[in-house]
Amino acid sequence: MSDKPVAEMSFEEAIRELEAVVSRLEGGEVPLEDSIALYQRGSELRARCDALLKAAEEKVAKITTDAEGNAVGTQPMDAD
């Protein structure tokens, strides 16, 4: 498990670590206290992946197309 803060992870880093957390939890050989910490880390990783996917979907939705379906530009995203 990485010591990198979840908020600093890329989607790829977060999903890899989330898969590792799930694998360890499914293995059933982790003590209860460690399982709780792993579950909490997994929850944070899932939320990070969800947020990054939502941001990517919003960027894709901003792409405009011409009559033939070709991308012709993007609209700036609104700052939150």
N, C-alpha and C. Protein backbone atom coordinates (compact mmCIF):
# COMPACT_ATOMS: atom_id res chain seq x y z
N MET A 1 0.85 -1.18 0.00
CA MET A 1 0.00 0.00 0.00
C MET A 1 0.89 1.23 0.00
N SER A 2 0.51 2.21 -0.78
CA SER A 2 1.27 3.44 -0.94
C SER A 2 1.07 4.37 0.24
N ASP A 3 2.10 5.16 0.53
CA ASP A 3 1.99 6.18 1.56
C ASP A 3 1.55 7.52 0.96
N LYS A 4 1.41 7.55 -0.37
CA LYS A 4 1.02 8.77 -1.06
C LYS A 4 -0.40 9.15 -0.68
N PRO A 5 -0.62 10.43 -0.39
CA PRO A 5 -1.99 10.86 -0.07
C PRO A 5 -2.93 10.59 -1.25
N VAL A 6 -4.11 10.11 -0.96
CA VAL A 6 -5.08 9.76 -1.98
C VAL A 6 -5.40 10.96 -2.87
N ALA A 7 -5.48 12.14 -2.29
CA ALA A 7 -5.82 13.35 -3.05
C ALA A 7 -4.77 13.71 -4.10
N GLU A 8 -3.58 13.15 -3.99
CA GLU A 8 -2.51 13.44 -4.94
C GLU A 8 -2.36 12.35 -6.01
N MET A 9 -3.16 11.30 -5.92
CA MET A 9 -3.02 10.17 -6.84
C MET A 9 -3.72 10.43 -8.17
N SER A 10 -3.12 9.90 -9.23
CA SER A 10 -3.78 9.90 -10.52
C SER A 10 -4.85 8.80 -10.48
N PHE A 11 -5.70 8.80 -11.48
CA PHE A 11 -6.72 7.75 -11.55
C PHE A 11 -6.08 6.37 -11.58
N GLU A 12 -5.03 6.24 -12.40
CA GLU A 12 -4.36 4.94 -12.55
C GLU A 12 -3.74 4.46 -11.24
N GLU A 13 -3.12 5.37 -10.51
CA GLU A 13 -2.54 5.01 -9.21
C GLU A 13 -3.62 4.59 -8.23
N ALA A 14 -4.69 5.36 -8.18
CA ALA A 14 -5.76 5.08 -7.23
C ALA A 14 -6.45 3.75 -7.54
N ILE A 15 -6.69 3.47 -8.82
CA ILE A 15 -7.39 2.23 -9.16
C ILE A 15 -6.51 1.01 -8.88
N ARG A 16 -5.19 1.14 -9.14
CA ARG A 16 -4.28 0.03 -8.84
C ARG A 16 -4.26 -0.26 -7.34
N GLU A 17 -4.18 0.79 -6.54
CA GLU A 17 -4.16 0.57 -5.09
C GLU A 17 -5.50 0.05 -4.60
N LEU A 18 -6.59 0.55 -5.17
CA LEU A 18 -7.91 0.05 -4.78
C LEU A 18 -8.03 -1.44 -5.07
N GLU A 19 -7.54 -1.87 -6.22
CA GLU A 19 -7.55 -3.30 -6.55
C GLU A 19 -6.73 -4.10 -5.55
N ALA A 20 -5.60 -3.56 -5.12
CA ALA A 20 -4.76 -4.25 -4.12
C ALA A 20 -5.48 -4.34 -2.78
N VAL A 21 -6.16 -3.27 -2.39
CA VAL A 21 -6.91 -3.26 -1.13
C VAL A 21 -8.01 -4.31 -1.17
N VAL A 22 -8.76 -4.35 -2.25
CA VAL A 22 -9.85 -5.32 -2.39
C VAL A 22 -9.31 -6.74 -2.33
N SER A 23 -8.20 -6.97 -3.01
CA SER A 23 -7.59 -8.29 -3.01
C SER A 23 -7.19 -8.73 -1.60
N ARG A 24 -6.59 -7.82 -0.85
CA ARG A 24 -6.19 -8.15 0.53
C ARG A 24 -7.40 -8.43 1.41
N LEU A 25 -8.44 -7.62 1.25
CA LEU A 25 -9.64 -7.83 2.06
C LEU A 25 -10.33 -9.13 1.69
N GLU A 26 -10.39 -9.44 0.41
CA GLU A 26 -11.02 -10.69 -0.03
C GLU A 26 -10.23 -11.91 0.42
N GLY A 27 -8.92 -11.74 0.59
CA GLY A 27 -8.08 -12.85 1.03
C GLY A 27 -8.44 -13.33 2.43
N GLY A 28 -9.00 -12.45 3.24
CA GLY A 28 -9.46 -12.83 4.57
C GLY A 28 -8.38 -13.10 5.59
N GLU A 29 -7.14 -12.77 5.29
CA GLU A 29 -6.05 -13.05 6.22
C GLU A 29 -5.53 -11.80 6.91
N VAL A 30 -6.31 -10.73 6.88
CA VAL A 30 -5.91 -9.47 7.48
C VAL A 30 -6.60 -9.34 8.84
N PRO A 31 -5.85 -9.01 9.89
CA PRO A 31 -6.47 -8.82 11.20
C PRO A 31 -7.57 -7.74 11.15
N LEU A 32 -8.50 -7.80 12.07
CA LEU A 32 -9.66 -6.93 12.08
C LEU A 32 -9.28 -5.45 12.02
N GLU A 33 -8.37 -5.02 12.87
CA GLU A 33 -7.98 -3.60 12.88
C GLU A 33 -7.40 -3.17 11.54
N ASP A 34 -6.58 -4.03 10.95
CA ASP A 34 -6.01 -3.72 9.63
C ASP A 34 -7.09 -3.72 8.56
N SER A 35 -8.07 -4.59 8.71
CA SER A 35 -9.18 -4.63 7.75
C SER A 35 -9.96 -3.33 7.77
N ILE A 36 -10.16 -2.79 8.95
CA ILE A 36 -10.89 -1.53 9.08
C ILE A 36 -10.11 -0.41 8.40
N ALA A 37 -8.80 -0.36 8.63
CA ALA A 37 -7.96 0.66 8.00
C ALA A 37 -7.94 0.49 6.48
N LEU A 38 -7.87 -0.75 6.02
CA LEU A 38 -7.89 -1.01 4.59
C LEU A 38 -9.23 -0.60 3.98
N TYR A 39 -10.31 -0.90 4.66
CA TYR A 39 -11.63 -0.53 4.17
C TYR A 39 -11.74 0.99 4.05
N GLN A 40 -11.25 1.71 5.05
CA GLN A 40 -11.29 3.17 5.02
C GLN A 40 -10.45 3.70 3.86
N ARG A 41 -9.24 3.15 3.67
CA ARG A 41 -8.38 3.57 2.55
C ARG A 41 -9.08 3.27 1.22
N GLY A 42 -9.69 2.11 1.12
CA GLY A 42 -10.42 1.73 -0.09
C GLY A 42 -11.56 2.69 -0.39
N SER A 43 -12.25 3.11 0.64
CA SER A 43 -13.35 4.06 0.47
C SER A 43 -12.83 5.40 -0.05
N GLU A 44 -11.70 5.85 0.47
CA GLU A 44 -11.10 7.10 0.00
C GLU A 44 -10.63 6.96 -1.45
N LEU A 45 -10.05 5.82 -1.78
CA LEU A 45 -9.59 5.58 -3.15
C LEU A 45 -10.76 5.54 -4.12
N ARG A 46 -11.85 4.89 -3.73
CA ARG A 46 -13.04 4.84 -4.58
C ARG A 46 -13.59 6.23 -4.83
N ALA A 47 -13.64 7.04 -3.78
CA ALA A 47 -14.14 8.41 -3.93
C ALA A 47 -13.23 9.22 -4.86
N ARG A 48 -11.92 9.01 -4.76
CA ARG A 48 -10.98 9.71 -5.65
C ARG A 48 -11.21 9.29 -7.10
N CYS A 49 -11.35 7.99 -7.34
CA CYS A 49 -11.61 7.51 -8.69
C CYS A 49 -12.92 8.08 -9.23
N ASP A 50 -13.96 8.09 -8.41
CA ASP A 50 -15.25 8.66 -8.82
C ASP A 50 -15.11 10.12 -9.21
N ALA A 51 -14.38 10.89 -8.40
CA ALA A 51 -14.21 12.32 -8.67
C ALA A 51 -13.44 12.54 -9.96
N LEU A 52 -12.37 11.76 -10.17
CA LEU A 52 -11.58 11.91 -11.38
C LEU A 52 -12.37 11.51 -12.62
N LEU A 53 -13.18 10.46 -12.52
CA LEU A 53 -14.02 10.06 -13.64
C LEU A 53 -15.07 11.12 -13.95
N LYS A 54 -15.67 11.69 -12.93
CA LYS A 54 -16.67 12.73 -13.13
C LYS A 54 -16.05 13.93 -13.82
N ALA A 55 -14.85 14.32 -13.40
CA ALA A 55 -14.16 15.45 -14.02
C ALA A 55 -13.86 15.16 -15.49
N ALA A 56 -13.44 13.94 -15.78
CA ALA A 56 -13.16 13.56 -17.17
C ALA A 56 -14.43 13.57 -18.00
N GLU A 57 -15.53 13.08 -17.44
CA GLU A 57 -16.81 13.09 -18.16
C GLU A 57 -17.25 14.51 -18.46
N GLU A 58 -17.04 15.42 -17.51
CA GLU A 58 -17.42 16.81 -17.73
C GLU A 58 -16.59 17.43 -18.85
N LYS A 59 -15.30 17.10 -18.90
CA LYS A 59 -14.44 17.61 -19.97
C LYS A 59 -14.90 17.09 -21.32
N VAL A 60 -15.22 15.81 -21.38
CA VAL A 60 -15.69 15.22 -22.64
C VAL A 60 -17.00 15.86 -23.07
N ALA A 61 -17.87 16.13 -22.12
CA ALA A 61 -19.17 16.73 -22.44
C ALA A 61 -19.01 18.14 -22.99
N LYS A 62 -17.92 18.80 -22.70
CA LYS A 62 -17.69 20.16 -23.18
C LYS A 62 -17.20 20.20 -24.63
N ILE A 63 -16.79 19.07 -25.16
CA ILE A 63 -16.30 19.04 -26.53
C ILE A 63 -17.48 19.28 -27.47
N THR A 64 -17.30 20.18 -28.40
CA THR A 64 -18.36 20.45 -29.36
C THR A 64 -18.03 19.75 -30.67
N THR A 65 -19.03 19.45 -31.44
CA THR A 65 -18.83 18.77 -32.71
C THR A 65 -19.54 19.51 -33.82
N ASP A 66 -19.05 19.30 -35.05
CA ASP A 66 -19.73 19.89 -36.20
C ASP A 66 -20.82 18.95 -36.69
N ALA A 67 -21.46 19.27 -37.79
CA ALA A 67 -22.58 18.48 -38.31
C ALA A 67 -22.17 17.06 -38.66
N GLU A 68 -20.89 16.85 -38.95
CA GLU A 68 -20.41 15.51 -39.30
C GLU A 68 -19.89 14.74 -38.10
N GLY A 69 -20.01 15.32 -36.91
CA GLY A 69 -19.57 14.63 -35.71
C GLY A 69 -18.10 14.81 -35.39
N ASN A 70 -17.43 15.73 -36.08
CA ASN A 70 -16.00 15.98 -35.82
C ASN A 70 -15.85 17.02 -34.73
N ALA A 71 -14.88 16.79 -33.82
CA ALA A 71 -14.61 17.76 -32.77
C ALA A 71 -14.06 19.04 -33.39
N VAL A 72 -14.64 20.16 -33.01
CA VAL A 72 -14.21 21.44 -33.57
C VAL A 72 -13.64 22.37 -32.51
N GLY A 73 -13.68 22.00 -31.28
CA GLY A 73 -13.15 22.85 -30.22
C GLY A 73 -13.72 22.47 -28.87
N THR A 74 -13.29 23.15 -27.88
CA THR A 74 -13.82 22.90 -26.55
C THR A 74 -14.27 24.20 -25.95
N GLN A 75 -15.15 24.09 -25.01
CA GLN A 75 -15.61 25.25 -24.26
C GLN A 75 -14.88 25.23 -22.93
N PRO A 76 -14.45 26.39 -22.42
CA PRO A 76 -13.77 26.38 -21.12
C PRO A 76 -14.71 25.89 -20.03
N MET A 77 -14.17 25.11 -19.12
CA MET A 77 -14.97 24.63 -18.01
C MET A 77 -15.14 25.75 -16.99
N ASP A 78 -16.28 25.78 -16.35
CA ASP A 78 -16.52 26.77 -15.31
C ASP A 78 -15.69 26.42 -14.10
N ALA A 79 -15.08 27.42 -13.49
CA ALA A 79 -14.32 27.21 -12.26
C ALA A 79 -15.29 27.00 -11.12
N ASP A 80 -14.99 26.04 -10.28
CA ASP A 80 -15.86 25.78 -9.13
C ASP A 80 -15.43 26.58 -7.93
